[in-house]
Amino acid sequence: MRAFAVAFWLALIAPAALALPAVAPSEAPKHLGETVTVEGAVDEVHTDARSGVTFINLGGRFPNQALTCVIFRDDAPKFPNVDELPGHVVRITGKVQNYKGRVEIICNDAGQLKIK
């Protein structure tokens, strides 16, 4: 019975211990190469007509955004209604990368993007 009680409490505590603390979009560049959760208001959403790539900008509008969430065309169906995100606060979790001098997180799983 004691082992069951310990397992039960660990099951309750473990998810909270694994939760990543959120950082502001402006702090994302300090976490290059790390997996973090970024929380902030969406300033702009743009889908490129040619490539089908969707860009969700936080911390400013292009070209002055602090962070971009990039969703490739093949993953777009996993993220319905992204055009409705401007003005909403979101949490984006993923590996922070530098692409041509811009900070980004590539989102390929719906669980990476949460509306707060």
PDB file of N, CA and C in Angstrom:
ATOM      1  N   MET A   1       0.817  -1.197   0.000  1.00  0.00           N
ATOM      2  CA  MET A   1       0.000   0.000   0.000  1.00  0.00           C
ATOM      3  C   MET A   1       0.865   1.269   0.000  1.00  0.00           C
ATOM      4  N   ARG A   2       1.965   1.224   0.733  1.00  0.00           N
ATOM      5  CA  ARG A   2       2.849   2.387   0.791  1.00  0.00           C
ATOM      6  C   ARG A   2       3.448   2.684  -0.590  1.00  0.00           C
ATOM      7  N   ALA A   3       3.834   1.635  -1.314  1.00  0.00           N
ATOM      8  CA  ALA A   3       4.400   1.820  -2.652  1.00  0.00           C
ATOM      9  C   ALA A   3       3.377   2.470  -3.579  1.00  0.00           C
ATOM     10  N   PHE A   4       2.121   2.074  -3.441  1.00  0.00           N
ATOM     11  CA  PHE A   4       1.064   2.680  -4.252  1.00  0.00           C
ATOM     12  C   PHE A   4       0.931   4.166  -3.936  1.00  0.00           C
ATOM     13  N   ALA A   5       0.962   4.515  -2.653  1.00  0.00           N
ATOM     14  CA  ALA A   5       0.832   5.916  -2.246  1.00  0.00           C
ATOM     15  C   ALA A   5       1.981   6.753  -2.787  1.00  0.00           C
ATOM     16  N   VAL A   6       3.208   6.222  -2.724  1.00  0.00           N
ATOM     17  CA  VAL A   6       4.372   6.937  -3.241  1.00  0.00           C
ATOM     18  C   VAL A   6       4.242   7.128  -4.756  1.00  0.00           C
ATOM     19  N   ALA A   7       3.855   6.070  -5.456  1.00  0.00           N
ATOM     20  CA  ALA A   7       3.692   6.150  -6.909  1.00  0.00           C
ATOM     21  C   ALA A   7       2.611   7.159  -7.282  1.00  0.00           C
ATOM     22  N   PHE A   8       1.529   7.178  -6.513  1.00  0.00           N
ATOM     23  CA  PHE A   8       0.434   8.104  -6.761  1.00  0.00           C
ATOM     24  C   PHE A   8       0.916   9.554  -6.634  1.00  0.00           C
ATOM     25  N   TRP A   9       1.628   9.875  -5.566  1.00  0.00           N
ATOM     26  CA  TRP A   9       2.114  11.240  -5.355  1.00  0.00           C
ATOM     27  C   TRP A   9       3.160  11.631  -6.387  1.00  0.00           C
ATOM     28  N   LEU A  10       3.997  10.692  -6.784  1.00  0.00           N
ATOM     29  CA  LEU A  10       4.979  10.996  -7.829  1.00  0.00           C
ATOM     30  C   LEU A  10       4.284  11.305  -9.148  1.00  0.00           C
ATOM     31  N   ALA A  11       3.221  10.584  -9.435  1.00  0.00           N
ATOM     32  CA  ALA A  11       2.467  10.831 -10.667  1.00  0.00           C
ATOM     33  C   ALA A  11       1.854  12.220 -10.665  1.00  0.00           C
ATOM     34  N   LEU A  12       1.463  12.702  -9.497  1.00  0.00           N
ATOM     35  CA  LEU A  12       0.893  14.045  -9.407  1.00  0.00           C
ATOM     36  C   LEU A  12       1.947  15.132  -9.477  1.00  0.00           C
ATOM     37  N   ILE A  13       3.097  14.877  -8.897  1.00  0.00           N
ATOM     38  CA  ILE A  13       4.153  15.886  -8.805  1.00  0.00           C
ATOM     39  C   ILE A  13       4.997  15.955 -10.074  1.00  0.00           C
ATOM     40  N   ALA A  14       5.240  14.846 -10.729  1.00  0.00           N
ATOM     41  CA  ALA A  14       6.145  14.790 -11.878  1.00  0.00           C
ATOM     42  C   ALA A  14       5.791  15.769 -12.996  1.00  0.00           C
ATOM     43  N   PRO A  15       4.524  15.871 -13.424  1.00  0.00           N
ATOM     44  CA  PRO A  15       4.234  16.824 -14.508  1.00  0.00           C
ATOM     45  C   PRO A  15       4.576  18.258 -14.137  1.00  0.00           C
ATOM     46  N   ALA A  16       4.327  18.645 -12.908  1.00  0.00           N
ATOM     47  CA  ALA A  16       4.660  20.009 -12.491  1.00  0.00           C
ATOM     48  C   ALA A  16       6.165  20.227 -12.485  1.00  0.00           C
ATOM     49  N   ALA A  17       6.911  19.209 -12.091  1.00  0.00           N
ATOM     50  CA  ALA A  17       8.373  19.334 -12.052  1.00  0.00           C
ATOM     51  C   ALA A  17       8.950  19.437 -13.454  1.00  0.00           C
ATOM     52  N   LEU A  18       8.280  18.835 -14.430  1.00  0.00           N
ATOM     53  CA  LEU A  18       8.785  18.854 -15.800  1.00  0.00           C
ATOM     54  C   LEU A  18       8.346  20.087 -16.581  1.00  0.00           C
ATOM     55  N   ALA A  19       7.390  20.840 -16.055  1.00  0.00           N
ATOM     56  CA  ALA A  19       6.899  22.020 -16.754  1.00  0.00           C
ATOM     57  C   ALA A  19       8.025  23.039 -16.892  1.00  0.00           C
ATOM     58  N   LEU A  20       8.135  23.579 -18.078  1.00  0.00           N
ATOM     59  CA  LEU A  20       9.177  24.560 -18.340  1.00  0.00           C
ATOM     60  C   LEU A  20       8.690  25.951 -17.960  1.00  0.00           C
ATOM     61  N   PRO A  21       9.510  26.735 -17.256  1.00  0.00           N
ATOM     62  CA  PRO A  21       9.103  28.109 -16.967  1.00  0.00           C
ATOM     63  C   PRO A  21       9.099  28.917 -18.268  1.00  0.00           C
ATOM     64  N   ALA A  22       8.163  29.836 -18.372  1.00  0.00           N
ATOM     65  CA  ALA A  22       8.059  30.637 -19.592  1.00  0.00           C
ATOM     66  C   ALA A  22       8.991  31.843 -19.539  1.00  0.00           C
ATOM     67  N   VAL A  23       9.531  32.192 -20.705  1.00  0.00           N
ATOM     68  CA  VAL A  23      10.346  33.387 -20.845  1.00  0.00           C
ATOM     69  C   VAL A  23       9.641  34.331 -21.809  1.00  0.00           C
ATOM     70  N   ALA A  24       9.970  35.600 -21.719  1.00  0.00           N
ATOM     71  CA  ALA A  24       9.409  36.602 -22.627  1.00  0.00           C
ATOM     72  C   ALA A  24      10.059  36.458 -24.000  1.00  0.00           C
ATOM     73  N   PRO A  25       9.361  36.864 -25.070  1.00  0.00           N
ATOM     74  CA  PRO A  25       9.962  36.794 -26.407  1.00  0.00           C
ATOM     75  C   PRO A  25      11.317  37.501 -26.485  1.00  0.00           C
ATOM     76  N   SER A  26      11.468  38.606 -25.779  1.00  0.00           N
ATOM     77  CA  SER A  26      12.734  39.342 -25.810  1.00  0.00           C
ATOM     78  C   SER A  26      13.879  38.581 -25.156  1.00  0.00           C
ATOM     79  N   GLU A  27      13.554  37.593 -24.321  1.00  0.00           N
ATOM     80  CA  GLU A  27      14.566  36.775 -23.647  1.00  0.00           C
ATOM     81  C   GLU A  27      14.976  35.557 -24.477  1.00  0.00           C
ATOM     82  N   ALA A  28      14.221  35.228 -25.508  1.00  0.00           N
ATOM     83  CA  ALA A  28      14.478  34.033 -26.317  1.00  0.00           C
ATOM     84  C   ALA A  28      15.896  33.984 -26.890  1.00  0.00           C
ATOM     85  N   PRO A  29      16.471  35.098 -27.371  1.00  0.00           N
ATOM     86  CA  PRO A  29      17.832  35.021 -27.920  1.00  0.00           C
ATOM     87  C   PRO A  29      18.876  34.543 -26.912  1.00  0.00           C
ATOM     88  N   LYS A  30      18.608  34.700 -25.642  1.00  0.00           N
ATOM     89  CA  LYS A  30      19.537  34.250 -24.611  1.00  0.00           C
ATOM     90  C   LYS A  30      19.488  32.735 -24.426  1.00  0.00           C
ATOM     91  N   HIS A  31      18.557  32.074 -25.113  1.00  0.00           N
ATOM     92  CA  HIS A  31      18.356  30.638 -24.950  1.00  0.00           C
ATOM     93  C   HIS A  31      18.587  29.858 -26.247  1.00  0.00           C
ATOM     94  N   LEU A  32      19.435  30.380 -27.137  1.00  0.00           N
ATOM     95  CA  LEU A  32      19.718  29.684 -28.398  1.00  0.00           C
ATOM     96  C   LEU A  32      20.202  28.269 -28.115  1.00  0.00           C
ATOM     97  N   GLY A  33      19.622  27.325 -28.836  1.00  0.00           N
ATOM     98  CA  GLY A  33      19.998  25.930 -28.688  1.00  0.00           C
ATOM     99  C   GLY A  33      19.280  25.206 -27.564  1.00  0.00           C
ATOM    100  N   GLU A  34      18.504  25.935 -26.779  1.00  0.00           N
ATOM    101  CA  GLU A  34      17.778  25.345 -25.660  1.00  0.00           C
ATOM    102  C   GLU A  34      16.308  25.168 -26.024  1.00  0.00           C
ATOM    103  N   THR A  35      15.665  24.209 -25.377  1.00  0.00           N
ATOM    104  CA  THR A  35      14.227  24.054 -25.496  1.00  0.00           C
ATOM    105  C   THR A  35      13.593  24.845 -24.367  1.00  0.00           C
ATOM    106  N   VAL A  36      12.775  25.823 -24.734  1.00  0.00           N
ATOM    107  CA  VAL A  36      12.135  26.692 -23.755  1.00  0.00           C
ATOM    108  C   VAL A  36      10.666  26.900 -24.126  1.00  0.00           C
ATOM    109  N   THR A  37       9.933  27.458 -23.182  1.00  0.00           N
ATOM    110  CA  THR A  37       8.573  27.914 -23.438  1.00  0.00           C
ATOM    111  C   THR A  37       8.603  29.433 -23.420  1.00  0.00           C
ATOM    112  N   VAL A  38       8.125  30.027 -24.495  1.00  0.00           N
ATOM    113  CA  VAL A  38       8.069  31.479 -24.622  1.00  0.00           C
ATOM    114  C   VAL A  38       6.611  31.892 -24.517  1.00  0.00           C
ATOM    115  N   GLU A  39       6.349  32.892 -23.712  1.00  0.00           N
ATOM    116  CA  GLU A  39       4.982  33.389 -23.558  1.00  0.00           C
ATOM    117  C   GLU A  39       4.927  34.856 -23.929  1.00  0.00           C
ATOM    118  N   GLY A  40       3.981  35.196 -24.794  1.00  0.00           N
ATOM    119  CA  GLY A  40       3.831  36.581 -25.197  1.00  0.00           C
ATOM    120  C   GLY A  40       2.649  36.772 -26.118  1.00  0.00           C
ATOM    121  N   ALA A  41       2.356  38.024 -26.395  1.00  0.00           N
ATOM    122  CA  ALA A  41       1.252  38.370 -27.287  1.00  0.00           C
ATOM    123  C   ALA A  41       1.694  38.229 -28.745  1.00  0.00           C
ATOM    124  N   VAL A  42       0.805  37.711 -29.560  1.00  0.00           N
ATOM    125  CA  VAL A  42       1.071  37.580 -30.997  1.00  0.00           C
ATOM    126  C   VAL A  42       0.825  38.939 -31.639  1.00  0.00           C
ATOM    127  N   ASP A  43       1.846  39.446 -32.316  1.00  0.00           N
ATOM    128  CA  ASP A  43       1.739  40.739 -32.991  1.00  0.00           C
ATOM    129  C   ASP A  43       1.320  40.603 -34.443  1.00  0.00           C
ATOM    130  N   GLU A  44       1.651  39.454 -35.054  1.00  0.00           N
ATOM    131  CA  GLU A  44       1.413  39.327 -36.490  1.00  0.00           C
ATOM    132  C   GLU A  44       1.473  37.856 -36.896  1.00  0.00           C
ATOM    133  N   VAL A  45       0.610  37.492 -37.836  1.00  0.00           N
ATOM    134  CA  VAL A  45       0.656  36.166 -38.458  1.00  0.00           C
ATOM    135  C   VAL A  45       0.670  36.377 -39.962  1.00  0.00           C
ATOM    136  N   HIS A  46       1.605  35.705 -40.626  1.00  0.00           N
ATOM    137  CA  HIS A  46       1.721  35.846 -42.079  1.00  0.00           C
ATOM    138  C   HIS A  46       2.009  34.479 -42.678  1.00  0.00           C
ATOM    139  N   THR A  47       1.263  34.125 -43.728  1.00  0.00           N
ATOM    140  CA  THR A  47       1.536  32.893 -44.469  1.00  0.00           C
ATOM    141  C   THR A  47       2.020  33.277 -45.857  1.00  0.00           C
ATOM    142  N   ASP A  48       3.226  32.806 -46.192  1.00  0.00           N
ATOM    143  CA  ASP A  48       3.808  33.095 -47.498  1.00  0.00           C
ATOM    144  C   ASP A  48       3.031  32.353 -48.579  1.00  0.00           C
ATOM    145  N   ALA A  49       2.545  33.076 -49.567  1.00  0.00           N
ATOM    146  CA  ALA A  49       1.711  32.487 -50.618  1.00  0.00           C
ATOM    147  C   ALA A  49       2.453  31.440 -51.444  1.00  0.00           C
ATOM    148  N   ARG A  50       3.740  31.643 -51.687  1.00  0.00           N
ATOM    149  CA  ARG A  50       4.504  30.699 -52.512  1.00  0.00           C
ATOM    150  C   ARG A  50       4.876  29.436 -51.756  1.00  0.00           C
ATOM    151  N   SER A  51       5.447  29.603 -50.577  1.00  0.00           N
ATOM    152  CA  SER A  51       5.972  28.437 -49.846  1.00  0.00           C
ATOM    153  C   SER A  51       4.947  27.785 -48.926  1.00  0.00           C
ATOM    154  N   GLY A  52       3.927  28.530 -48.530  1.00  0.00           N
ATOM    155  CA  GLY A  52       2.947  28.009 -47.591  1.00  0.00           C
ATOM    156  C   GLY A  52       3.433  28.012 -46.151  1.00  0.00           C
ATOM    157  N   VAL A  53       4.589  28.612 -45.901  1.00  0.00           N
ATOM    158  CA  VAL A  53       5.137  28.682 -44.548  1.00  0.00           C
ATOM    159  C   VAL A  53       4.417  29.794 -43.790  1.00  0.00           C
ATOM    160  N   THR A  54       4.022  29.485 -42.547  1.00  0.00           N
ATOM    161  CA  THR A  54       3.346  30.459 -41.693  1.00  0.00           C
ATOM    162  C   THR A  54       4.318  30.980 -40.647  1.00  0.00           C
ATOM    163  N   PHE A  55       4.307  32.292 -40.457  1.00  0.00           N
ATOM    164  CA  PHE A  55       5.178  32.954 -39.490  1.00  0.00           C
ATOM    165  C   PHE A  55       4.299  33.640 -38.446  1.00  0.00           C
ATOM    166  N   ILE A  56       4.493  33.281 -37.183  1.00  0.00           N
ATOM    167  CA  ILE A  56       3.774  33.903 -36.070  1.00  0.00           C
ATOM    168  C   ILE A  56       4.796  34.732 -35.308  1.00  0.00           C
ATOM    169  N   ASN A  57       4.639  36.043 -35.332  1.00  0.00           N
ATOM    170  CA  ASN A  57       5.620  36.941 -34.733  1.00  0.00           C
ATOM    171  C   ASN A  57       5.177  37.424 -33.352  1.00  0.00           C
ATOM    172  N   LEU A  58       6.094  37.333 -32.406  1.00  0.00           N
ATOM    173  CA  LEU A  58       5.891  37.821 -31.048  1.00  0.00           C
ATOM    174  C   LEU A  58       6.953  38.875 -30.763  1.00  0.00           C
ATOM    175  N   GLY A  59       6.613  39.837 -29.918  1.00  0.00           N
ATOM    176  CA  GLY A  59       7.593  40.863 -29.552  1.00  0.00           C
ATOM    177  C   GLY A  59       7.855  41.845 -30.668  1.00  0.00           C
ATOM    178  N   GLY A  60       6.850  42.123 -31.469  1.00  0.00           N
ATOM    179  CA  GLY A  60       6.979  43.082 -32.559  1.00  0.00           C
ATOM    180  C   GLY A  60       6.556  42.493 -33.896  1.00  0.00           C
ATOM    181  N   ARG A  61       6.402  43.371 -34.854  1.00  0.00           N
ATOM    182  CA  ARG A  61       6.033  42.962 -36.214  1.00  0.00           C
ATOM    183  C   ARG A  61       7.301  42.854 -37.054  1.00  0.00           C
ATOM    184  N   PHE A  62       7.245  42.048 -38.113  1.00  0.00           N
ATOM    185  CA  PHE A  62       8.363  41.892 -39.036  1.00  0.00           C
ATOM    186  C   PHE A  62       8.742  43.263 -39.577  1.00  0.00           C
ATOM    187  N   PRO A  63       9.986  43.612 -39.618  1.00  0.00           N
ATOM    188  CA  PRO A  63      11.201  42.838 -39.363  1.00  0.00           C
ATOM    189  C   PRO A  63      11.770  43.025 -37.948  1.00  0.00           C
ATOM    190  N   ASN A  64      10.983  43.565 -37.040  1.00  0.00           N
ATOM    191  CA  ASN A  64      11.488  43.895 -35.708  1.00  0.00           C
ATOM    192  C   ASN A  64      11.008  42.941 -34.614  1.00  0.00           C
ATOM    193  N   GLN A  65      10.513  41.778 -34.976  1.00  0.00           N
ATOM    194  CA  GLN A  65      10.001  40.833 -33.992  1.00  0.00           C
ATOM    195  C   GLN A  65      11.141  40.249 -33.150  1.00  0.00           C
ATOM    196  N   ALA A  66      10.800  39.883 -31.914  1.00  0.00           N
ATOM    197  CA  ALA A  66      11.793  39.259 -31.033  1.00  0.00           C
ATOM    198  C   ALA A  66      11.895  37.763 -31.305  1.00  0.00           C
ATOM    199  N   LEU A  67      10.774  37.156 -31.721  1.00  0.00           N
ATOM    200  CA  LEU A  67      10.731  35.708 -31.952  1.00  0.00           C
ATOM    201  C   LEU A  67       9.683  35.392 -32.999  1.00  0.00           C
ATOM    202  N   THR A  68       9.987  34.401 -33.818  1.00  0.00           N
ATOM    203  CA  THR A  68       9.033  33.914 -34.806  1.00  0.00           C
ATOM    204  C   THR A  68       8.808  32.432 -34.596  1.00  0.00           C
ATOM    205  N   CYS A  69       7.540  32.052 -34.565  1.00  0.00           N
ATOM    206  CA  CYS A  69       7.171  30.637 -34.597  1.00  0.00           C
ATOM    207  C   CYS A  69       6.955  30.303 -36.073  1.00  0.00           C
ATOM    208  N   VAL A  70       7.675  29.306 -36.569  1.00  0.00           N
ATOM    209  CA  VAL A  70       7.613  28.935 -37.979  1.00  0.00           C
ATOM    210  C   VAL A  70       6.853  27.618 -38.114  1.00  0.00           C
ATOM    211  N   ILE A  71       5.838  27.625 -38.977  1.00  0.00           N
ATOM    212  CA  ILE A  71       5.049  26.417 -39.245  1.00  0.00           C
ATOM    213  C   ILE A  71       5.149  26.137 -40.737  1.00  0.00           C
ATOM    214  N   PHE A  72       5.741  25.002 -41.089  1.00  0.00           N
ATOM    215  CA  PHE A  72       5.877  24.644 -42.493  1.00  0.00           C
ATOM    216  C   PHE A  72       4.556  24.133 -43.066  1.00  0.00           C
ATOM    217  N   ARG A  73       4.427  24.235 -44.387  1.00  0.00           N
ATOM    218  CA  ARG A  73       3.188  23.902 -45.094  1.00  0.00           C
ATOM    219  C   ARG A  73       2.631  22.531 -44.689  1.00  0.00           C
ATOM    220  N   ASP A  74       3.472  21.512 -44.608  1.00  0.00           N
ATOM    221  CA  ASP A  74       2.990  20.166 -44.289  1.00  0.00           C
ATOM    222  C   ASP A  74       2.411  20.062 -42.879  1.00  0.00           C
ATOM    223  N   ASP A  75       2.825  20.962 -41.990  1.00  0.00           N
ATOM    224  CA  ASP A  75       2.335  20.937 -40.612  1.00  0.00           C
ATOM    225  C   ASP A  75       1.168  21.902 -40.383  1.00  0.00           C
ATOM    226  N   ALA A  76       0.862  22.740 -41.350  1.00  0.00           N
ATOM    227  CA  ALA A  76      -0.175  23.763 -41.199  1.00  0.00           C
ATOM    228  C   ALA A  76      -1.534  23.197 -40.760  1.00  0.00           C
ATOM    229  N   PRO A  77      -1.977  22.044 -41.275  1.00  0.00           N
ATOM    230  CA  PRO A  77      -3.275  21.529 -40.837  1.00  0.00           C
ATOM    231  C   PRO A  77      -3.352  21.230 -39.331  1.00  0.00           C
ATOM    232  N   LYS A  78      -2.213  21.084 -38.684  1.00  0.00           N
ATOM    233  CA  LYS A  78      -2.190  20.823 -37.243  1.00  0.00           C
ATOM    234  C   LYS A  78      -2.482  22.083 -36.439  1.00  0.00           C
ATOM    235  N   PHE A  79      -2.452  23.250 -37.102  1.00  0.00           N
ATOM    236  CA  PHE A  79      -2.613  24.537 -36.428  1.00  0.00           C
ATOM    237  C   PHE A  79      -3.744  25.334 -37.079  1.00  0.00           C
ATOM    238  N   PRO A  80      -4.989  24.908 -36.859  1.00  0.00           N
ATOM    239  CA  PRO A  80      -6.103  25.625 -37.493  1.00  0.00           C
ATOM    240  C   PRO A  80      -6.300  27.007 -36.870  1.00  0.00           C
ATOM    241  N   ASN A  81      -6.809  27.911 -37.637  1.00  0.00           N
ATOM    242  CA  ASN A  81      -7.191  29.249 -37.175  1.00  0.00           C
ATOM    243  C   ASN A  81      -6.036  30.107 -36.666  1.00  0.00           C
ATOM    244  N   VAL A  82      -4.821  29.884 -37.165  1.00  0.00           N
ATOM    245  CA  VAL A  82      -3.694  30.705 -36.703  1.00  0.00           C
ATOM    246  C   VAL A  82      -3.878  32.172 -37.073  1.00  0.00           C
ATOM    247  N   ASP A  83      -4.662  32.460 -38.112  1.00  0.00           N
ATOM    248  CA  ASP A  83      -4.885  33.847 -38.515  1.00  0.00           C
ATOM    249  C   ASP A  83      -5.630  34.643 -37.442  1.00  0.00           C
ATOM    250  N   GLU A  84      -6.254  33.947 -36.503  1.00  0.00           N
ATOM    251  CA  GLU A  84      -7.001  34.603 -35.427  1.00  0.00           C
ATOM    252  C   GLU A  84      -6.137  34.895 -34.203  1.00  0.00           C
ATOM    253  N   LEU A  85      -4.843  34.552 -34.243  1.00  0.00           N
ATOM    254  CA  LEU A  85      -3.980  34.690 -33.076  1.00  0.00           C
ATOM    255  C   LEU A  85      -3.526  36.111 -32.724  1.00  0.00           C
ATOM    256  N   PRO A  86      -3.413  37.054 -33.685  1.00  0.00           N
ATOM    257  CA  PRO A  86      -2.936  38.380 -33.298  1.00  0.00           C
ATOM    258  C   PRO A  86      -3.758  38.962 -32.143  1.00  0.00           C
ATOM    259  N   GLY A  87      -3.028  39.456 -31.145  1.00  0.00           N
ATOM    260  CA  GLY A  87      -3.658  40.016 -29.958  1.00  0.00           C
ATOM    261  C   GLY A  87      -3.818  39.027 -28.823  1.00  0.00           C
ATOM    262  N   HIS A  88      -3.716  37.739 -29.121  1.00  0.00           N
ATOM    263  CA  HIS A  88      -3.833  36.708 -28.089  1.00  0.00           C
ATOM    264  C   HIS A  88      -2.464  36.410 -27.482  1.00  0.00           C
ATOM    265  N   VAL A  89      -2.465  36.059 -26.213  1.00  0.00           N
ATOM    266  CA  VAL A  89      -1.243  35.622 -25.551  1.00  0.00           C
ATOM    267  C   VAL A  89      -1.113  34.120 -25.774  1.00  0.00           C
ATOM    268  N   VAL A  90       0.068  33.695 -26.201  1.00  0.00           N
ATOM    269  CA  VAL A  90       0.315  32.287 -26.477  1.00  0.00           C
ATOM    270  C   VAL A  90       1.559  31.811 -25.727  1.00  0.00           C
ATOM    271  N   ARG A  91       1.673  30.500 -25.618  1.00  0.00           N
ATOM    272  CA  ARG A  91       2.880  29.856 -25.094  1.00  0.00           C
ATOM    273  C   ARG A  91       3.385  28.943 -26.203  1.00  0.00           C
ATOM    274  N   ILE A  92       4.622  29.143 -26.600  1.00  0.00           N
ATOM    275  CA  ILE A  92       5.253  28.345 -27.653  1.00  0.00           C
ATOM    276  C   ILE A  92       6.436  27.627 -27.037  1.00  0.00           C
ATOM    277  N   THR A  93       6.462  26.310 -27.201  1.00  0.00           N
ATOM    278  CA  THR A  93       7.547  25.513 -26.641  1.00  0.00           C
ATOM    279  C   THR A  93       8.327  24.860 -27.769  1.00  0.00           C
ATOM    280  N   GLY A  94       9.648  24.979 -27.696  1.00  0.00           N
ATOM    281  CA  GLY A  94      10.489  24.351 -28.706  1.00  0.00           C
ATOM    282  C   GLY A  94      11.921  24.825 -28.576  1.00  0.00           C
ATOM    283  N   LYS A  95      12.742  24.319 -29.480  1.00  0.00           N
ATOM    284  CA  LYS A  95      14.161  24.672 -29.493  1.00  0.00           C
ATOM    285  C   LYS A  95      14.346  26.035 -30.158  1.00  0.00           C
ATOM    286  N   VAL A  96      15.001  26.945 -29.464  1.00  0.00           N
ATOM    287  CA  VAL A  96      15.260  28.285 -29.986  1.00  0.00           C
ATOM    288  C   VAL A  96      16.441  28.210 -30.953  1.00  0.00           C
ATOM    289  N   GLN A  97      16.224  28.714 -32.178  1.00  0.00           N
ATOM    290  CA  GLN A  97      17.238  28.651 -33.220  1.00  0.00           C
ATOM    291  C   GLN A  97      17.457  30.036 -33.827  1.00  0.00           C
ATOM    292  N   ASN A  98      18.597  30.186 -34.455  1.00  0.00           N
ATOM    293  CA  ASN A  98      18.909  31.391 -35.201  1.00  0.00           C
ATOM    294  C   ASN A  98      18.880  31.019 -36.676  1.00  0.00           C
ATOM    295  N   TYR A  99      18.057  31.717 -37.446  1.00  0.00           N
ATOM    296  CA  TYR A  99      18.002  31.493 -38.887  1.00  0.00           C
ATOM    297  C   TYR A  99      18.197  32.836 -39.579  1.00  0.00           C
ATOM    298  N   LYS A 100      19.331  32.985 -40.216  1.00  0.00           N
ATOM    299  CA  LYS A 100      19.673  34.216 -40.939  1.00  0.00           C
ATOM    300  C   LYS A 100      19.520  35.453 -40.047  1.00  0.00           C
ATOM    301  N   GLY A 101      20.011  35.335 -38.814  1.00  0.00           N
ATOM    302  CA  GLY A 101      19.998  36.461 -37.905  1.00  0.00           C
ATOM    303  C   GLY A 101      18.692  36.691 -37.169  1.00  0.00           C
ATOM    304  N   ARG A 102      17.722  35.822 -37.363  1.00  0.00           N
ATOM    305  CA  ARG A 102      16.420  35.956 -36.697  1.00  0.00           C
ATOM    306  C   ARG A 102      16.209  34.766 -35.764  1.00  0.00           C
ATOM    307  N   VAL A 103      15.584  35.029 -34.630  1.00  0.00           N
ATOM    308  CA  VAL A 103      15.350  33.993 -33.628  1.00  0.00           C
ATOM    309  C   VAL A 103      14.000  33.340 -33.907  1.00  0.00           C
ATOM    310  N   GLU A 104      13.999  32.002 -33.912  1.00  0.00           N
ATOM    311  CA  GLU A 104      12.773  31.276 -34.240  1.00  0.00           C
ATOM    312  C   GLU A 104      12.646  29.981 -33.465  1.00  0.00           C
ATOM    313  N   ILE A 105      11.422  29.505 -33.394  1.00  0.00           N
ATOM    314  CA  ILE A 105      11.111  28.161 -32.925  1.00  0.00           C
ATOM    315  C   ILE A 105      10.268  27.529 -34.016  1.00  0.00           C
ATOM    316  N   ILE A 106      10.665  26.362 -34.475  1.00  0.00           N
ATOM    317  CA  ILE A 106       9.885  25.647 -35.484  1.00  0.00           C
ATOM    318  C   ILE A 106       8.840  24.818 -34.763  1.00  0.00           C
ATOM    319  N   CYS A 107       7.587  25.017 -35.140  1.00  0.00           N
ATOM    320  CA  CYS A 107       6.482  24.273 -34.542  1.00  0.00           C
ATOM    321  C   CYS A 107       5.981  23.234 -35.552  1.00  0.00           C
ATOM    322  N   ASN A 108       6.118  21.973 -35.193  1.00  0.00           N
ATOM    323  CA  ASN A 108       5.617  20.905 -36.065  1.00  0.00           C
ATOM    324  C   ASN A 108       4.644  19.989 -35.341  1.00  0.00           C
ATOM    325  N   ASP A 109       4.273  20.349 -34.114  1.00  0.00           N
ATOM    326  CA  ASP A 109       3.318  19.579 -33.327  1.00  0.00           C
ATOM    327  C   ASP A 109       2.367  20.553 -32.656  1.00  0.00           C
ATOM    328  N   ALA A 110       1.086  20.277 -32.723  1.00  0.00           N
ATOM    329  CA  ALA A 110       0.073  21.186 -32.165  1.00  0.00           C
ATOM    330  C   ALA A 110       0.293  21.453 -30.684  1.00  0.00           C
ATOM    331  N   GLY A 111       0.909  20.529 -29.957  1.00  0.00           N
ATOM    332  CA  GLY A 111       1.149  20.703 -28.543  1.00  0.00           C
ATOM    333  C   GLY A 111       2.179  21.775 -28.228  1.00  0.00           C
ATOM    334  N   GLN A 112       2.900  22.239 -29.230  1.00  0.00           N
ATOM    335  CA  GLN A 112       3.903  23.275 -29.011  1.00  0.00           C
ATOM    336  C   GLN A 112       3.309  24.674 -28.886  1.00  0.00           C
ATOM    337  N   LEU A 113       2.095  24.862 -29.351  1.00  0.00           N
ATOM    338  CA  LEU A 113       1.480  26.186 -29.376  1.00  0.00           C
ATOM    339  C   LEU A 113       0.166  26.142 -28.602  1.00  0.00           C
ATOM    340  N   LYS A 114       0.118  26.918 -27.533  1.00  0.00           N
ATOM    341  CA  LYS A 114      -1.070  26.962 -26.674  1.00  0.00           C
ATOM    342  C   LYS A 114      -1.537  28.408 -26.535  1.00  0.00           C
ATOM    343  N   ILE A 115      -2.824  28.638 -26.680  1.00  0.00           N
ATOM    344  CA  ILE A 115      -3.397  29.956 -26.428  1.00  0.00           C
ATOM    345  C   ILE A 115      -3.658  30.032 -24.933  1.00  0.00           C
ATOM    346  N   LYS A 116      -3.211  31.102 -24.354  1.00  0.00           N
ATOM    347  CA  LYS A 116      -3.367  31.257 -22.909  1.00  0.00           C
ATOM    348  C   LYS A 116      -4.666  31.915 -22.569  1.00  0.00           C
TER     349      LYS A 116
END
